Protein backbone atom coordinates (compact mmCIF):
# COMPACT_ATOMS: atom_id res chain seq x y z
CA MET A 1 102.15 82.58 15.10
CA SER A 2 100.06 83.97 12.29
CA ARG A 3 100.67 83.36 8.60
CA GLN A 4 100.61 85.42 5.88
CA CYS A 5 98.23 84.80 2.54
CA LEU A 6 98.19 87.09 0.14
CA ILE A 7 95.10 86.73 -2.67
CA VAL A 8 95.34 88.15 -6.31
CA ARG A 9 92.56 88.24 -8.29
CA GLY A 10 91.27 89.64 -11.18
CA GLY A 11 91.06 89.29 -14.86
CA TRP A 12 88.72 87.48 -16.92
CA PRO A 13 84.98 88.01 -14.78
CA GLY A 14 83.06 84.83 -15.75
CA HIS A 15 85.14 82.92 -13.41
CA ASP A 16 84.19 85.20 -10.76
CA PRO A 17 87.44 85.63 -8.95
CA VAL A 18 85.75 87.87 -6.58
CA GLY A 19 82.88 85.21 -5.34
CA ALA A 20 85.39 82.12 -5.71
CA THR A 21 88.27 83.97 -3.44
CA GLU A 22 85.96 84.91 -0.98
CA LEU A 23 84.55 81.35 -0.43
CA PHE A 24 87.85 80.97 0.97
CA ILE A 25 88.82 83.39 3.06
CA PRO A 26 86.99 82.10 5.68
CA SER A 27 88.54 78.57 5.58
CA LEU A 28 91.82 80.42 5.45
CA ARG A 29 91.47 82.37 8.63
CA ARG A 30 90.46 79.04 10.74
CA GLN A 31 93.48 77.64 9.12
CA GLY A 32 95.69 80.44 10.43
CA PHE A 33 96.14 82.67 7.56
CA VAL A 34 95.99 86.54 8.04
CA VAL A 35 94.52 87.51 4.33
CA ASP A 36 95.35 90.38 2.49
CA VAL A 37 93.58 91.26 -1.18
CA GLU A 38 95.01 92.18 -3.84
CA GLU A 39 93.29 93.78 -7.38
CA THR A 40 95.75 93.30 -9.69
CA PRO A 41 99.43 91.23 -10.08
CA GLU A 42 101.46 94.95 -9.58
CA VAL A 43 102.40 93.80 -6.27
CA TYR A 44 104.14 90.67 -6.98
CA SER A 45 107.08 93.19 -8.68
CA ASP A 46 107.37 94.65 -5.14
CA GLU A 47 110.21 92.27 -3.23
CA SER A 48 109.51 93.62 0.45
CA THR A 49 106.09 93.30 0.17
CA MET A 50 105.62 89.79 -0.61
CA ALA A 51 108.82 88.50 1.22
CA ARG A 52 106.02 89.07 3.99
CA TYR A 53 104.07 86.14 2.34
CA ASP A 54 103.98 82.21 2.98
CA LEU A 55 101.16 81.74 0.30
CA ILE A 56 100.20 83.35 -2.35
CA VAL A 57 96.68 82.70 -3.96
CA GLN A 58 96.15 83.84 -7.17
CA CYS A 59 92.63 83.54 -9.54
CA ILE A 60 93.79 86.04 -12.64
CA THR A 61 91.99 84.22 -15.98
CA MET A 62 94.22 85.63 -19.09
CA GLY A 63 94.84 88.99 -18.13
CA SER A 64 98.38 90.15 -18.20
CA ALA A 65 101.35 90.99 -16.05
CA THR A 66 104.12 92.64 -16.74
CA VAL A 67 108.13 91.63 -17.20
CA ASP A 68 108.88 93.07 -13.41
CA GLU A 69 105.73 91.52 -11.73
CA VAL A 70 106.74 87.55 -13.11
CA ASP A 71 109.74 87.75 -12.11
CA GLY A 72 108.88 89.12 -8.79
CA LEU A 73 106.27 85.73 -8.49
CA ARG A 74 108.84 83.42 -9.92
CA ARG A 75 111.43 85.06 -7.52
CA ALA A 76 108.71 84.92 -4.21
CA VAL A 77 108.32 81.44 -5.28
CA ALA A 78 111.30 80.56 -5.53
CA SER A 79 112.24 81.56 -2.07
CA GLY A 80 110.04 79.47 -0.50
CA ILE A 81 106.70 81.55 -0.85
CA GLY A 82 103.75 78.60 -1.68
CA PHE A 83 101.89 79.47 -4.49
CA ALA A 84 98.14 77.70 -5.41
CA GLY A 85 95.37 78.15 -7.62
CA TRP A 86 92.49 76.50 -9.01
CA HIS A 87 91.40 76.17 -12.82
CA GLY A 88 92.06 79.54 -15.20
CA GLY A 89 92.81 81.55 -12.30
CA ILE A 90 96.36 79.85 -12.38
CA ILE A 91 96.77 77.72 -15.73
CA ASP A 92 94.86 80.43 -17.83
CA SER A 93 96.90 83.44 -16.60
CA PHE A 94 99.42 85.85 -18.74
CA ARG A 95 98.99 83.55 -21.63
CA ASN A 96 102.01 85.97 -22.92
CA ALA A 97 104.49 85.43 -20.01
CA THR A 98 106.37 82.48 -21.59
CA ASP A 99 108.38 82.58 -17.75
CA TYR A 100 105.04 81.98 -15.88
CA LEU A 101 103.80 79.61 -18.57
CA GLN A 102 107.33 77.34 -17.53
CA MET A 103 107.28 78.12 -14.09
CA VAL A 104 103.63 76.77 -13.52
CA GLY A 105 103.97 73.73 -15.92
CA VAL A 106 100.71 73.94 -16.96
CA GLN A 107 98.83 75.39 -19.63
CA PHE A 108 94.62 75.64 -20.62
CA ALA A 109 94.92 74.25 -24.20
CA ALA A 110 90.78 74.20 -25.10
CA HIS A 111 88.04 72.83 -23.25
CA PRO A 112 86.23 70.36 -25.71
CA HIS A 113 81.92 70.13 -26.00
CA ALA A 114 80.74 67.32 -25.47
CA PRO A 115 79.89 65.37 -28.79
CA GLN A 116 76.47 66.59 -28.84
CA ASP A 117 76.85 70.13 -28.22
CA ARG A 118 79.49 70.49 -30.78
CA GLY A 119 78.90 73.14 -33.10
CA HIS A 120 76.99 74.83 -30.60
CA LEU A 121 78.65 77.78 -29.05
CA ASP A 122 76.17 78.98 -27.35
CA VAL A 123 76.40 76.02 -24.85
CA GLU A 124 78.57 75.55 -22.05
CA PRO A 125 81.30 73.07 -23.15
CA TYR A 126 80.20 70.92 -20.47
CA ARG A 127 81.34 66.52 -19.85
CA ASP A 128 80.43 64.12 -17.78
CA TYR A 129 84.00 62.29 -16.31
CA THR A 130 84.86 61.03 -13.13
CA VAL A 131 88.23 62.37 -11.46
CA HIS A 132 90.70 59.49 -10.54
CA VAL A 133 92.52 59.96 -7.45
CA ARG A 134 96.42 58.64 -8.29
CA GLN A 135 98.45 59.33 -4.87
CA PRO A 136 95.19 58.59 -2.09
CA GLU A 137 98.63 58.29 0.57
CA HIS A 138 99.74 62.24 -0.14
CA PRO A 139 98.11 64.43 2.71
CA ILE A 140 96.19 66.67 0.13
CA MET A 141 94.29 63.55 -0.93
CA ASP A 142 93.47 62.08 2.33
CA GLY A 143 90.08 60.62 2.45
CA ILE A 144 89.09 61.69 -1.14
CA SER A 145 87.86 59.01 -4.02
CA ASP A 146 86.99 59.10 -7.34
CA PHE A 147 84.00 61.19 -8.41
CA ASP A 148 82.40 62.27 -11.28
CA ILE A 149 80.74 65.33 -12.17
CA ARG A 150 79.90 67.66 -14.59
CA THR A 151 81.43 70.48 -15.17
CA GLU A 152 84.17 71.99 -17.98
CA GLN A 153 87.01 69.59 -18.89
CA TYR A 154 90.42 71.12 -19.48
CA TRP A 155 93.08 70.00 -22.29
CA VAL A 156 95.87 70.76 -20.98
CA LEU A 157 99.22 70.97 -21.58
CA ALA A 158 102.09 69.64 -19.09
CA ASP A 159 105.76 68.80 -18.57
CA GLY A 160 106.87 66.35 -16.56
CA LEU A 161 107.73 68.17 -13.59
CA ASN A 162 104.65 68.02 -12.14
CA GLU A 163 103.69 64.98 -9.52
CA VAL A 164 99.65 64.50 -10.53
CA LEU A 165 97.72 63.90 -7.48
CA ALA A 166 94.27 63.28 -9.49
CA ASP A 167 93.71 62.91 -13.27
CA CYS A 168 90.55 62.41 -15.55
CA GLU A 169 90.60 60.51 -19.03
CA LEU A 170 89.10 62.78 -22.16
CA VAL A 171 87.10 60.69 -24.17
CA PRO A 172 86.64 61.03 -28.34
CA GLY A 173 83.10 61.11 -29.71
CA ASP A 174 81.55 61.30 -32.89
CA GLY A 175 83.56 64.63 -34.82
CA ASP A 176 86.40 64.55 -32.65
CA GLU A 177 90.02 65.51 -33.74
CA TRP A 178 91.47 62.88 -31.21
CA ALA A 179 91.48 59.11 -31.75
CA LYS A 180 91.35 57.63 -28.38
CA PRO A 181 91.19 58.64 -24.54
CA VAL A 182 93.69 60.74 -23.46
CA THR A 183 94.98 61.02 -19.46
CA MET A 184 94.67 65.06 -17.89
CA PRO A 185 95.97 65.80 -15.09
CA VAL A 186 93.15 67.26 -12.49
CA ALA A 187 95.48 67.83 -9.68
CA TRP A 188 99.15 68.30 -8.84
CA THR A 189 101.64 69.51 -7.52
CA ARG A 190 105.21 71.35 -8.43
CA GLN A 191 108.49 72.12 -6.51
CA TRP A 192 109.91 75.61 -7.89
CA GLY A 193 113.21 76.21 -6.25
CA ALA A 194 112.03 76.53 -3.20
CA GLY A 195 108.58 77.12 -2.96
CA ARG A 196 105.86 74.60 -3.73
CA ILE A 197 102.77 74.80 -6.24
CA PHE A 198 99.29 73.32 -5.99
CA ALA A 199 96.96 73.50 -8.85
CA THR A 200 93.68 71.64 -9.77
CA SER A 201 91.61 71.96 -13.33
CA LEU A 202 88.63 72.23 -11.47
CA GLY A 203 86.63 75.33 -10.18
CA HIS A 204 84.95 76.64 -13.26
CA THR A 205 81.92 77.66 -11.36
CA VAL A 206 81.35 78.72 -7.89
CA ASP A 207 79.10 76.07 -7.40
CA VAL A 208 81.76 73.65 -8.41
CA LEU A 209 83.88 74.56 -5.73
CA GLN A 210 81.57 74.80 -3.37
CA ARG A 211 81.21 70.70 -3.97
CA PRO A 212 82.80 69.09 -0.51
CA ASP A 213 85.39 66.87 -2.55
CA VAL A 214 86.49 69.91 -4.30
CA SER A 215 86.77 72.37 -1.40
CA ARG A 216 88.26 69.87 0.81
CA LEU A 217 90.79 69.44 -2.21
CA ILE A 218 91.69 73.36 -2.58
CA LYS A 219 91.66 74.30 1.04
CA ARG A 220 94.13 71.41 1.49
CA GLY A 221 96.41 71.91 -1.45
CA MET A 222 96.82 75.73 -0.49
CA ASP A 223 97.82 74.35 3.57
CA TRP A 224 100.11 71.77 1.82
CA ALA A 225 101.45 74.91 -0.34
CA ALA A 226 102.58 77.23 2.36
CA ARG A 227 105.77 77.75 3.67
């Protein structure tokens, strides 16, 4: 019997929500999902429609959602529907919706520039850093080793309910305001009611999502989160 996946995308176009989600639709279908796509979060408030799904993949950076939409999403996840996503599409969504932020448990705060690029706002805030695998025995991380990457490095605010699978160090340089390296989660899971949540801070651009290590991480995370 096939599983049902709902992709909800939109928000800030800089993260290419269409291109990013289209990248994963073929693999979702190979994993046995029938995939529906919505371009706004309005569907979240439709309880009967939401009840059909086994997995919700969200790619909405910033954007907004009504109280009813956020409440519908929370109830859907708590009922057992998986929730998964990457980068700003899941941890920088609906900034003013505190009930959403509580459910997701990680919130984007900043992406500091590399020290040499500070003050140059026209330069992408990219840094070189290493992703450290902390739970190699977890099925999502099986066969994934530490890897180096150059992309946005998210400074996030997180709580203790998350199970961190991989992390990184945000190392201060000349002119940075923090005095010592800060550990930031990169990939994690979270239990919300009967539902599983998977998220990663990686995925700023489609080329990052196409990296074998990142792509494998996200594909496994979506499959793991689904009920």
